[in-house]
Protein backbone atom coordinates (compact mmCIF):
# COMPACT_ATOMS: atom_id res chain seq x y z
CA MET A 1 0.00 0.00 0.00
CA GLY A 2 1.28 3.45 -0.88
CA ASN A 3 1.82 5.88 1.98
CA ASN A 4 1.08 9.23 0.37
CA SER A 5 -0.97 11.13 2.95
CA PRO A 6 -0.99 14.87 2.21
CA ASP A 7 -0.10 15.68 5.82
CA LEU A 8 3.20 13.79 5.66
CA LYS A 9 6.33 15.39 4.31
CA PHE A 10 8.85 13.34 2.40
CA GLY A 11 12.33 12.75 3.76
CA LYS A 12 15.47 11.76 1.94
CA GLY A 13 15.02 9.39 -0.94
CA GLY A 14 11.26 9.92 -1.04
CA SER A 15 10.60 8.10 2.26
CA LYS A 16 8.08 9.56 4.69
CA ASP A 17 9.10 11.67 7.64
CA TYR A 18 6.54 10.61 10.23
CA SER A 19 7.75 13.18 12.76
CA LYS A 20 5.25 15.71 11.40
CA TYR A 21 2.46 13.13 11.33
CA PHE A 22 3.07 12.19 14.96
CA ASP A 23 3.77 15.80 15.90
CA PHE A 24 7.13 14.59 17.26
CA SER A 25 10.39 16.16 16.21
CA ASP A 26 12.70 13.23 16.92
CA ALA A 27 11.19 10.38 14.91
CA LYS A 28 13.99 8.19 13.55
CA VAL A 29 13.84 5.35 11.03
CA ILE A 30 15.14 2.10 12.57
CA SER A 31 14.41 -0.30 9.72
CA GLU A 32 12.58 -0.62 6.41
CA GLU A 33 11.72 -4.06 5.07
CA GLU A 34 8.87 -5.77 3.18
CA GLY A 35 6.84 -2.57 3.02
CA LYS A 36 7.03 -2.00 6.79
CA THR A 37 8.85 0.93 8.34
CA THR A 38 9.87 0.94 12.01
CA TYR A 39 10.42 4.25 13.80
CA ARG A 40 11.72 5.27 17.21
CA ILE A 41 9.68 8.11 18.67
CA LYS A 42 10.43 9.42 22.16
CA GLY A 43 11.33 6.00 23.50
CA ARG A 44 8.50 4.18 21.69
CA THR A 45 9.01 1.85 18.75
CA VAL A 46 6.30 2.19 16.08
CA GLN A 47 5.84 -0.17 13.14
CA ILE A 48 3.93 1.38 10.22
CA ASN A 49 2.54 -1.15 7.74
CA SER A 50 0.21 1.39 6.08
CA ASN A 51 -1.59 4.56 7.10
CA PRO A 52 -4.99 6.09 6.22
CA ASP A 53 -5.15 8.53 3.32
CA TYR A 54 -8.36 10.36 2.30
CA LYS A 55 -7.15 11.09 -1.24
CA GLU A 56 -6.28 7.45 -1.77
CA GLY A 57 -9.59 6.40 -0.21
CA LYS A 58 -11.60 8.53 -2.62
CA ARG A 59 -10.02 7.02 -5.74
CA ARG A 60 -12.36 4.50 -7.34
CA GLY A 61 -10.23 2.46 -9.69
CA LYS A 62 -11.46 -0.42 -11.82
CA GLN A 63 -9.00 -2.94 -10.42
CA GLU A 64 -10.52 -6.38 -10.11
CA ILE A 65 -11.57 -7.51 -6.65
CA GLU A 66 -10.33 -10.96 -5.78
CA VAL A 67 -12.23 -13.45 -3.63
CA ILE A 68 -9.74 -14.93 -1.16
CA ASN A 69 -10.04 -17.76 1.35
CA PHE A 70 -9.25 -16.55 4.88
CA GLN A 71 -7.41 -19.73 5.82
CA ASP A 72 -4.07 -19.22 4.09
CA THR A 73 -0.78 -20.69 5.35
CA ASP A 74 0.47 -17.58 7.19
CA THR A 75 -2.86 -17.05 8.96
CA ASN A 76 -3.13 -20.68 10.02
CA GLN A 77 0.43 -20.64 11.37
CA ALA A 78 -0.22 -17.47 13.40
CA MET A 79 -3.44 -18.88 14.81
CA GLU A 80 -1.78 -22.16 15.76
CA GLN A 81 0.97 -20.29 17.60
CA PHE A 82 -1.64 -18.59 19.78
CA ARG A 83 -3.59 -21.80 20.29
CA GLU A 84 -0.40 -23.30 21.69
CA ILE A 85 0.13 -20.29 23.96
CA ASN A 86 -3.44 -20.54 25.25
CA ARG A 87 -3.11 -24.28 25.85
CA HIS A 88 -0.34 -23.51 28.35
CA LYS A 89 -2.05 -20.50 29.91
CA GLN A 90 -5.55 -19.31 29.10
CA HIS A 91 -5.84 -15.71 27.86
CA TYR A 92 -8.99 -13.61 27.44
CA TYR A 93 -10.33 -10.92 25.11
CA PHE A 94 -12.85 -8.09 25.41
CA ILE A 95 -14.32 -6.12 22.47
CA ALA A 96 -16.29 -2.89 22.93
CA THR A 97 -18.41 -2.12 19.87
CA TYR A 98 -19.66 1.29 18.79
CA GLY A 99 -21.90 2.18 15.85
CA CYS A 100 -23.96 0.30 13.31
CA GLN A 101 -24.88 -3.31 12.51
CA MET A 102 -21.84 -3.51 10.23
CA ASN A 103 -19.61 -2.83 13.23
CA GLU A 104 -21.50 -5.46 15.23
CA HIS A 105 -20.90 -7.93 12.43
CA ASP A 106 -17.20 -7.04 12.29
CA THR A 107 -17.05 -7.72 16.03
CA GLU A 108 -18.59 -11.16 15.47
CA THR A 109 -15.79 -11.83 12.98
CA MET A 110 -13.03 -10.66 15.33
CA LYS A 111 -14.49 -12.76 18.15
CA GLY A 112 -14.50 -15.75 15.81
CA MET A 113 -10.84 -15.26 14.91
CA LEU A 114 -9.74 -14.72 18.52
CA GLU A 115 -11.57 -17.83 19.70
CA GLN A 116 -9.96 -19.89 16.94
CA MET A 117 -6.67 -18.50 18.29
CA GLY A 118 -7.57 -20.02 21.65
CA TYR A 119 -8.72 -16.88 23.44
CA LEU A 120 -11.91 -16.84 25.50
CA ALA A 121 -14.31 -13.96 26.05
CA ALA A 122 -13.83 -12.03 29.30
CA GLU A 123 -16.97 -11.02 31.16
CA ASP A 124 -15.16 -7.99 32.54
CA ARG A 125 -12.61 -5.93 30.63
CA ASN A 126 -10.37 -5.87 33.73
CA GLU A 127 -9.81 -9.62 33.21
CA ALA A 128 -8.87 -9.29 29.53
CA ASP A 129 -5.44 -9.76 27.97
CA ILE A 130 -6.60 -8.17 24.69
CA ILE A 131 -9.04 -5.24 24.53
CA LEU A 132 -10.26 -3.97 21.15
CA LEU A 133 -12.36 -0.85 20.62
CA ASN A 134 -14.34 -1.33 17.39
CA THR A 135 -15.19 2.26 16.54
CA CYS A 136 -17.72 4.37 14.63
CA ALA A 137 -16.95 7.57 12.71
CA ILE A 138 -20.43 8.70 11.67
CA ARG A 139 -20.79 11.41 14.32
CA GLU A 140 -18.42 13.40 16.48
CA ASN A 141 -19.96 12.23 19.76
CA ALA A 142 -19.21 8.61 18.78
CA GLU A 143 -15.53 9.54 18.55
CA ASP A 144 -15.66 11.43 21.84
CA LYS A 145 -16.91 8.25 23.56
CA VAL A 146 -13.97 6.27 22.24
CA PHE A 147 -11.38 8.84 23.31
CA GLY A 148 -13.05 8.97 26.72
CA GLU A 149 -12.81 5.19 26.97
CA LEU A 150 -9.13 5.30 26.00
CA GLY A 151 -8.57 7.71 28.87
CA HIS A 152 -10.13 5.21 31.29
CA LEU A 153 -8.11 2.34 29.84
CA LYS A 154 -4.81 4.13 30.46
CA THR A 155 -5.06 3.26 34.17
CA LEU A 156 -5.73 -0.41 33.36
CA LYS A 157 -2.76 -0.46 30.97
CA LEU A 158 -0.52 0.89 33.74
CA GLU A 159 -1.74 -1.87 36.07
CA LYS A 160 -1.32 -4.56 33.38
CA PRO A 161 1.62 -3.67 31.11
CA GLY A 162 1.12 -6.93 29.20
CA LEU A 163 -2.39 -5.90 28.15
CA LEU A 164 -2.73 -5.57 24.37
CA LEU A 165 -4.92 -2.58 23.51
CA GLY A 166 -6.18 -2.01 19.97
CA VAL A 167 -8.34 0.56 18.16
CA CYS A 168 -10.05 -0.62 14.98
CA GLY A 169 -13.12 0.11 12.87
CA CYS A 170 -14.17 3.27 11.06
CA MET A 171 -12.37 5.81 13.26
CA SER A 172 -9.09 4.12 12.40
CA GLN A 173 -9.64 4.99 8.74
CA GLU A 174 -9.46 8.71 9.55
CA GLU A 175 -6.09 10.42 9.20
CA GLY A 176 -6.74 12.89 12.02
CA VAL A 177 -7.84 10.16 14.42
CA VAL A 178 -4.75 8.02 13.88
CA ASN A 179 -2.63 11.14 14.32
CA ARG A 180 -4.37 11.92 17.62
CA ILE A 181 -4.07 8.39 18.97
CA MET A 182 -0.37 8.16 18.25
CA SER A 183 0.31 11.66 19.59
CA LYS A 184 -1.74 11.52 22.80
CA TYR A 185 -2.48 7.86 23.55
CA GLY A 186 0.94 6.28 23.36
CA PHE A 187 -0.20 3.22 25.34
CA VAL A 188 -2.26 1.89 22.40
CA ASP A 189 -0.61 -1.19 20.84
CA MET A 190 -2.51 -1.70 17.57
CA ILE A 191 -4.41 0.48 15.12
CA PHE A 192 -6.08 -1.24 12.17
CA GLY A 193 -8.93 -0.41 9.84
CA THR A 194 -12.05 -1.85 8.28
CA HIS A 195 -10.39 -3.30 5.17
CA ASN A 196 -7.88 -5.49 6.99
CA ILE A 197 -9.83 -7.00 9.90
CA HIS A 198 -8.99 -10.43 8.45
CA ARG A 199 -5.34 -9.67 9.27
CA LEU A 200 -6.06 -9.65 13.03
CA PRO A 201 -4.06 -12.85 13.80
CA GLN A 202 -0.94 -11.45 12.11
CA LEU A 203 -1.36 -8.01 13.70
CA VAL A 204 -1.70 -9.51 17.18
CA LYS A 205 1.40 -11.60 16.51
CA GLU A 206 3.39 -8.54 15.40
CA ALA A 207 2.26 -6.48 18.41
CA VAL A 208 2.90 -9.27 20.93
CA TYR A 209 6.33 -10.35 19.68
CA SER A 210 7.74 -6.98 18.62
CA LYS A 211 6.42 -5.03 21.63
CA GLU A 212 5.87 -2.21 19.13
CA LEU A 213 2.86 -0.08 18.24
CA VAL A 214 1.58 -1.64 15.01
CA VAL A 215 -0.33 0.59 12.58
CA GLU A 216 -1.96 -1.01 9.53
CA VAL A 217 -4.80 0.92 7.95
CA TRP A 218 -5.44 0.34 4.26
CA SER A 219 -6.84 3.37 2.45
CA LYS A 220 -7.54 1.35 -0.65
CA GLU A 221 -10.11 -1.33 0.07
CA GLY A 222 -8.96 -4.92 0.14
CA ASP A 223 -10.30 -8.00 -1.54
CA ILE A 224 -13.36 -9.99 -0.44
CA ILE A 225 -12.38 -12.52 2.19
CA GLU A 226 -14.56 -15.64 2.44
CA ASN A 227 -14.77 -18.28 5.19
CA LEU A 228 -14.01 -15.80 7.96
CA PRO A 229 -14.78 -17.34 11.37
CA LYS A 230 -17.66 -15.73 13.26
CA LYS A 231 -19.03 -16.01 16.75
CA ARG A 232 -22.78 -15.49 16.52
CA GLU A 233 -25.07 -15.50 19.53
CA GLY A 234 -28.84 -15.68 19.86
CA MET A 235 -31.30 -16.57 17.12
CA ARG A 236 -30.64 -13.65 14.78
CA ALA A 237 -27.68 -13.43 12.40
CA TRP A 238 -26.13 -10.71 10.26
CA VAL A 239 -24.68 -11.54 6.85
CA ASN A 240 -22.54 -9.12 4.85
CA ILE A 241 -23.54 -9.21 1.21
CA MET A 242 -21.38 -6.28 0.08
CA TYR A 243 -18.92 -3.72 1.34
CA GLY A 244 -18.37 -0.01 0.83
CA CYS A 245 -20.30 2.86 -0.73
CA ASP A 246 -19.80 4.93 -3.89
CA LYS A 247 -22.41 7.61 -3.20
CA PHE A 248 -20.19 10.25 -1.52
CA CYS A 249 -23.00 12.18 0.15
CA THR A 250 -21.39 15.45 1.18
CA TYR A 251 -21.87 14.90 4.94
CA CYS A 252 -20.78 11.25 5.08
CA ILE A 253 -17.41 9.74 5.96
CA VAL A 254 -18.42 6.13 5.14
CA PRO A 255 -17.07 6.02 1.55
CA PHE A 256 -13.66 6.90 3.00
CA THR A 257 -13.81 4.47 5.93
CA ARG A 258 -15.44 1.51 4.14
CA GLY A 259 -14.12 1.86 0.59
CA LYS A 260 -15.79 1.34 -2.77
CA GLU A 261 -18.83 -0.84 -3.40
CA ARG A 262 -17.93 -4.48 -3.91
CA SER A 263 -20.34 -7.40 -3.79
CA ARG A 264 -19.85 -10.94 -2.52
CA ARG A 265 -20.63 -13.66 -5.02
CA PRO A 266 -24.28 -14.76 -4.79
CA GLU A 267 -23.36 -18.43 -4.35
CA ASP A 268 -21.29 -17.54 -1.27
CA VAL A 269 -24.08 -15.46 0.28
CA ILE A 270 -26.71 -18.13 -0.41
CA ALA A 271 -24.48 -20.88 1.01
CA GLU A 272 -23.91 -18.88 4.22
CA VAL A 273 -27.63 -18.20 4.74
CA ARG A 274 -28.50 -21.84 4.06
CA GLU A 275 -25.96 -22.90 6.67
CA LEU A 276 -27.49 -20.47 9.17
CA ALA A 277 -30.91 -21.98 8.47
CA ARG A 278 -29.45 -25.45 9.08
CA GLN A 279 -28.03 -24.22 12.40
CA GLY A 280 -31.49 -23.09 13.48
CA PHE A 281 -31.27 -19.31 13.18
CA LYS A 282 -34.69 -17.73 12.90
CA GLU A 283 -33.80 -14.40 11.34
CA VAL A 284 -31.08 -13.14 8.99
CA THR A 285 -30.34 -9.50 8.19
CA LEU A 286 -28.43 -8.88 4.96
CA LEU A 287 -25.96 -6.05 5.53
CA GLY A 288 -24.25 -3.44 3.42
CA GLN A 289 -23.67 0.30 3.48
CA ASN A 290 -25.99 0.34 0.45
CA VAL A 291 -27.46 -3.15 0.03
CA ASN A 292 -29.59 -2.37 -2.99
CA ALA A 293 -26.49 -1.51 -5.02
CA TYR A 294 -25.63 -5.21 -4.66
CA GLY A 295 -24.48 -6.83 -7.91
CA LYS A 296 -23.96 -3.60 -9.84
CA ASP A 297 -20.22 -4.18 -9.77
CA PHE A 298 -20.47 -7.65 -11.33
CA THR A 299 -19.04 -7.75 -14.83
CA ASP A 300 -19.73 -11.41 -15.59
CA LEU A 301 -23.38 -11.83 -14.61
CA ASP A 302 -26.64 -9.89 -14.48
CA TYR A 303 -27.73 -10.42 -10.89
CA THR A 304 -29.18 -7.67 -8.71
CA PHE A 305 -30.28 -7.30 -5.10
CA GLY A 306 -33.82 -8.11 -6.20
CA ASP A 307 -32.57 -11.41 -7.61
CA LEU A 308 -30.74 -12.18 -4.36
CA MET A 309 -33.86 -11.45 -2.29
CA ASP A 310 -35.86 -13.71 -4.60
CA ASP A 311 -33.38 -16.50 -3.86
CA MET A 312 -33.60 -15.73 -0.13
CA ARG A 313 -37.35 -16.44 -0.32
CA LYS A 314 -36.57 -20.05 -1.22
CA ILE A 315 -34.44 -20.71 1.88
CA ASP A 316 -36.16 -22.33 4.85
CA ILE A 317 -35.58 -19.56 7.36
CA PRO A 318 -38.50 -17.64 8.94
CA ARG A 319 -37.34 -14.06 8.37
CA ILE A 320 -35.05 -12.17 6.01
CA ARG A 321 -34.34 -8.45 6.50
CA PHE A 322 -31.86 -6.00 4.98
CA MET A 323 -30.03 -2.85 6.08
CA THR A 324 -29.45 -0.20 4.77
CA SER A 325 -30.86 0.89 1.44
CA HIS A 326 -30.34 4.05 -0.61
CA PRO A 327 -33.48 5.39 -2.32
CA ARG A 328 -31.56 6.00 -5.54
CA ASP A 329 -30.87 2.26 -5.98
CA PHE A 330 -34.27 0.94 -4.82
CA ASP A 331 -35.45 -0.41 -8.18
CA ASP A 332 -38.70 -1.91 -9.50
CA ARG A 333 -37.28 -5.46 -9.51
CA LEU A 334 -36.67 -5.27 -5.75
CA ILE A 335 -40.14 -3.83 -5.14
CA GLU A 336 -41.66 -6.65 -7.17
CA VAL A 337 -39.81 -9.32 -5.17
CA LEU A 338 -40.69 -7.74 -1.81
CA GLY A 339 -44.32 -7.86 -2.89
CA LYS A 340 -44.14 -11.68 -2.96
CA GLY A 341 -43.90 -11.69 0.85
CA GLY A 342 -43.20 -15.06 2.40
CA ASN A 343 -40.19 -14.84 4.69
CA LEU A 344 -39.27 -11.32 3.47
CA ALA A 345 -39.96 -8.92 6.35
CA GLU A 346 -42.28 -6.00 5.59
CA HIS A 347 -40.09 -3.59 7.54
CA ILE A 348 -38.04 -1.37 5.19
CA HIS A 349 -35.48 1.15 6.41
CA LEU A 350 -35.33 3.88 3.76
CA PRO A 351 -33.14 6.86 4.78
CA VAL A 352 -34.44 10.18 3.41
CA GLN A 353 -32.16 12.61 5.35
CA SER A 354 -34.25 15.65 4.35
CA GLY A 355 -37.64 16.46 2.86
CA SER A 356 -36.31 19.44 0.91
CA THR A 357 -35.09 18.93 -2.65
CA ALA A 358 -32.72 21.89 -2.25
CA VAL A 359 -31.12 20.40 0.87
CA LEU A 360 -30.98 16.94 -0.75
CA LYS A 361 -29.04 18.50 -3.62
CA LYS A 362 -26.52 20.07 -1.21
CA MET A 363 -26.23 16.66 0.45
CA SER A 364 -25.59 15.09 -2.99
CA ARG A 365 -28.28 12.49 -2.37
CA LYS A 366 -29.12 12.54 -6.12
CA TYR A 367 -32.89 12.22 -5.76
CA THR A 368 -35.64 14.75 -5.19
CA ARG A 369 -38.42 14.94 -2.64
CA GLU A 370 -40.88 14.00 -5.38
CA ALA A 371 -38.83 10.97 -6.49
CA TYR A 372 -38.62 9.72 -2.90
CA LEU A 373 -42.38 10.05 -2.38
CA GLU A 374 -43.02 8.23 -5.66
CA LEU A 375 -40.75 5.41 -4.47
CA VAL A 376 -42.72 5.20 -1.21
CA ARG A 377 -45.96 5.04 -3.20
CA LYS A 378 -44.63 2.13 -5.28
CA ILE A 379 -43.45 0.25 -2.20
CA LYS A 380 -46.78 0.62 -0.42
CA ALA A 381 -48.67 -0.45 -3.55
CA SER A 382 -46.59 -3.66 -3.81
CA VAL A 383 -46.27 -4.29 -0.04
CA PRO A 384 -49.53 -3.02 1.56
CA ALA A 385 -48.33 -3.94 5.05
CA ALA A 386 -44.98 -2.13 4.60
CA VAL A 387 -43.61 -0.45 7.72
CA LEU A 388 -41.15 2.31 6.86
CA THR A 389 -38.42 3.77 9.07
CA THR A 390 -35.80 6.34 8.12
CA ASP A 391 -32.81 8.55 8.97
CA ILE A 392 -33.14 12.34 9.10
CA ILE A 393 -30.53 15.08 9.61
CA VAL A 394 -31.66 18.48 10.92
CA GLY A 395 -29.68 21.71 10.73
CA PHE A 396 -27.66 20.87 7.62
CA PRO A 397 -25.61 23.92 6.52
CA GLY A 398 -27.96 26.52 5.06
CA GLU A 399 -31.19 24.72 6.03
CA THR A 400 -33.97 27.31 6.31
CA GLU A 401 -37.10 27.12 8.41
CA GLU A 402 -39.12 26.58 5.24
CA GLN A 403 -36.88 23.69 4.20
CA PHE A 404 -37.19 22.11 7.64
CA GLU A 405 -40.98 22.41 7.37
CA GLU A 406 -40.70 20.45 4.12
CA THR A 407 -39.08 17.65 6.12
CA LEU A 408 -41.93 17.69 8.62
CA SER A 409 -44.53 17.56 5.84
CA LEU A 410 -42.73 14.63 4.18
CA VAL A 411 -42.66 12.77 7.50
CA ARG A 412 -46.43 13.27 7.82
CA GLU A 413 -47.05 12.17 4.22
CA VAL A 414 -44.95 8.99 4.46
CA GLY A 415 -46.11 8.07 7.96
CA TYR A 416 -42.90 6.58 9.35
CA ASP A 417 -43.17 4.23 12.30
CA MET A 418 -39.78 5.32 13.62
CA ALA A 419 -36.83 7.48 12.63
CA TYR A 420 -33.21 7.89 13.65
CA THR A 421 -32.87 11.66 13.93
CA PHE A 422 -29.63 13.60 14.21
CA ILE A 423 -28.37 17.14 14.50
CA TYR A 424 -25.85 17.76 11.73
CA SER A 425 -22.23 17.66 12.84
CA PRO A 426 -19.35 18.17 10.38
CA ARG A 427 -16.98 15.28 9.70
CA GLU A 428 -13.40 16.16 8.82
CA GLY A 429 -12.57 15.24 5.24
CA THR A 430 -16.12 15.54 3.86
CA PRO A 431 -17.26 18.33 1.47
CA ALA A 432 -19.93 19.50 3.93
CA ALA A 433 -17.24 20.23 6.51
CA ALA A 434 -16.10 23.09 4.27
CA MET A 435 -19.62 24.58 4.11
CA GLU A 436 -20.62 27.39 6.45
CA ASP A 437 -22.35 25.74 9.40
CA ASN A 438 -24.72 28.69 9.76
CA VAL A 439 -27.72 27.17 11.57
CA PRO A 440 -27.47 28.22 15.24
CA ALA A 441 -27.17 25.39 17.76
CA GLU A 442 -30.34 26.42 19.58
CA VAL A 443 -32.27 26.35 16.27
CA LYS A 444 -30.94 22.87 15.50
CA SER A 445 -32.03 21.62 18.92
CA GLU A 446 -35.48 23.16 18.62
CA ARG A 447 -35.99 21.60 15.18
CA LEU A 448 -34.84 18.20 16.43
CA GLN A 449 -37.38 18.41 19.27
CA ARG A 450 -40.23 19.26 16.88
CA LEU A 451 -39.23 16.42 14.57
CA ASN A 452 -38.98 13.92 17.43
CA ASP A 453 -42.39 14.99 18.76
CA LEU A 454 -43.90 14.27 15.34
CA ILE A 455 -42.17 10.87 15.08
CA LYS A 456 -43.43 9.93 18.56
CA GLU A 457 -46.97 10.89 17.56
CA GLN A 458 -46.78 8.77 14.41
CA SER A 459 -45.29 5.79 16.25
CA ARG A 460 -48.06 5.85 18.85
CA MET A 461 -50.76 6.12 16.17
CA SER A 462 -49.25 3.17 14.28
CA ASN A 463 -49.13 1.10 17.45
CA ASP A 464 -52.70 2.03 18.39
CA ARG A 465 -53.93 0.63 15.06
CA MET A 466 -52.57 -2.77 16.09
CA LEU A 467 -54.89 -3.22 19.09
CA GLY A 468 -56.58 -6.61 18.86
CA GLU A 469 -54.31 -7.86 16.08
CA LEU A 470 -52.50 -11.21 16.19
CA VAL A 471 -48.79 -10.84 15.42
CA GLU A 472 -45.94 -13.32 15.13
CA VAL A 473 -43.13 -12.51 17.57
CA LEU A 474 -39.56 -13.81 17.63
CA VAL A 475 -38.86 -14.04 21.37
CA GLU A 476 -35.45 -12.53 22.16
CA GLY A 477 -35.33 -12.68 25.96
CA GLU A 478 -36.56 -11.09 29.15
CA SER A 479 -37.68 -7.47 29.24
CA LYS A 480 -34.94 -5.17 30.53
CA ASN A 481 -37.26 -3.76 33.18
CA ASN A 482 -39.22 -6.84 34.28
CA ALA A 483 -37.87 -10.39 34.45
CA GLN A 484 -41.45 -11.75 34.42
CA VAL A 485 -42.07 -10.27 30.97
CA LEU A 486 -40.67 -11.57 27.68
CA SER A 487 -39.59 -9.32 24.85
CA GLY A 488 -39.38 -9.88 21.12
CA ARG A 489 -39.98 -8.35 17.71
CA SER A 490 -42.59 -8.79 15.04
CA SER A 491 -41.80 -9.17 11.36
CA ALA A 492 -42.51 -5.42 11.06
CA ASN A 493 -39.78 -4.86 13.68
CA LYS A 494 -42.26 -3.80 16.37
CA LEU A 495 -41.04 -4.37 19.94
CA VAL A 496 -43.56 -6.59 21.75
CA HIS A 497 -43.80 -7.40 25.48
CA PHE A 498 -45.85 -10.28 26.89
CA GLU A 499 -45.86 -12.68 29.84
CA GLY A 500 -44.71 -16.22 29.18
CA SER A 501 -42.35 -19.04 30.05
CA LYS A 502 -38.64 -18.49 29.50
CA ASP A 503 -38.73 -21.72 27.48
CA LEU A 504 -40.21 -19.61 24.67
CA ILE A 505 -36.98 -17.61 24.22
CA GLY A 506 -35.63 -18.27 20.74
CA SER A 507 -38.99 -19.39 19.31
CA LEU A 508 -41.72 -17.79 17.23
CA VAL A 509 -45.04 -17.23 19.03
CA GLN A 510 -48.40 -15.65 18.27
CA VAL A 511 -49.29 -12.66 20.45
CA ARG A 512 -52.65 -10.86 20.63
CA ILE A 513 -52.06 -7.11 21.12
CA THR A 514 -53.89 -5.75 24.18
CA ASP A 515 -52.12 -2.46 24.98
CA THR A 516 -49.93 0.09 23.20
CA LYS A 517 -47.18 2.49 24.15
CA THR A 518 -45.17 4.94 22.07
CA TRP A 519 -42.23 2.67 21.30
CA TYR A 520 -43.58 -0.81 22.06
CA ILE A 521 -46.77 -2.84 22.27
CA LYS A 522 -48.03 -5.37 24.82
CA GLY A 523 -50.07 -8.50 24.40
CA ASP A 524 -51.01 -12.02 25.45
CA CYS A 525 -49.27 -15.10 24.12
CA VAL A 526 -51.73 -17.26 22.19
CA ALA A 527 -49.63 -20.09 20.73
CA GLU A 528 -46.34 -20.94 19.12
CA ALA A 529 -46.25 -19.90 15.48
CA ALA A 530 -46.42 -22.44 12.68
CA ALA A 531 -43.16 -23.25 10.92
CA VAL A 532 -42.43 -21.29 7.76
CA LEU A 533 -42.47 -23.56 4.72
């Protein structure tokens, strides 16, 4: 990987002088071999395999993406070394996960690798020998939480010098974040990104044996790695069907942190979901930053997300969901397939971000208010029971009161059951960060409150309409507030509470709705649901 970050100056012979990057004046090169450079910085040895680079991350070349088996010789050797270590003395890991379902899924993968290396999960981070923070970069407060956690972990690191502490995920793909970690959090041992999670066994090996800070963050996305181990828990499973995003909305850092759109082969996705069905999972969520762009990068076959969902219908698993879709890629073929029903859940998350065409243009969403509403009309015509949820940003640079009112009117017209609502915050490296953030903070907060009040009203009205209905519920566990009450979700993703035996956890049951709240509904268990054929 090329190391050509704009904030790094070149030293003699074209090599990088990392002293500016680290904000240290005495960085010295110790060794350079096999693409890795080792530096000595104020008493700390740092091994740089590759570093994040926004310019490199934005390039969208046409290089072919290879499909690679995770279990190569080097990986297997590294994992066996740690299995041997753990046979002599058991070591433990702890992973803290921030952000979206994709991050949760990445954590499942890292847990799977660590357990194949012989590590066991620690119930308490104080007992762990490896702690990983799997981070989110969508909003500034998500980053603040991670830096706050690093501050707390400094004390633990002092108490346990042998503790291996790593930062991974989307934050690691940001140049400024890596700079800050290496400048101010010198006790971190590993920094790696979203494209090279599969390299975890080798990175742990390098950090453990070299006693150096290891930095490996690929700006250019990697290949598609199949047969990655995963540790899944419960009765619901997430399955990546594609990676990355090519939309480059002006406010969003994801195309930089997750790379370009690249789809897994359909036969690999189908085989994984079939295996999950065989293992008894009741629900699968297909994941991608933009799932309905699936297959558009294939050059050798005509196979879209609609085709994949049609194949999902034929697998003997009760529920199939997907997250997240972009309105621009939600085509008629997908709408047609969703209309066939069966095990395809009627809940559709369809981020709108704003109800104003002018704001959508500044966001580079590449659809209009009218086009979005027409898409909603088509979906509801094909899937009459469709339950729509969304994402909305308030206070985008330049948003006027009139434009915000357009968002409110769109929310009323669509009738969302729920929405994730956010106050706009600039992300370094995005085009919107260069725009004048001219909506006062108090105005942003007031608009968010008005929007949330409307969403609450719509959610309660939707729930009220369900009184007396019989719904199928996948029982997830006990209610957080009452151990005598069970909690689960309907196919429409409604949270349902009811009294019943704990033996029902993990099964599908029929519940008659008897009471409604704003964010959940209550009912009486009638019977276990019939198997889906």
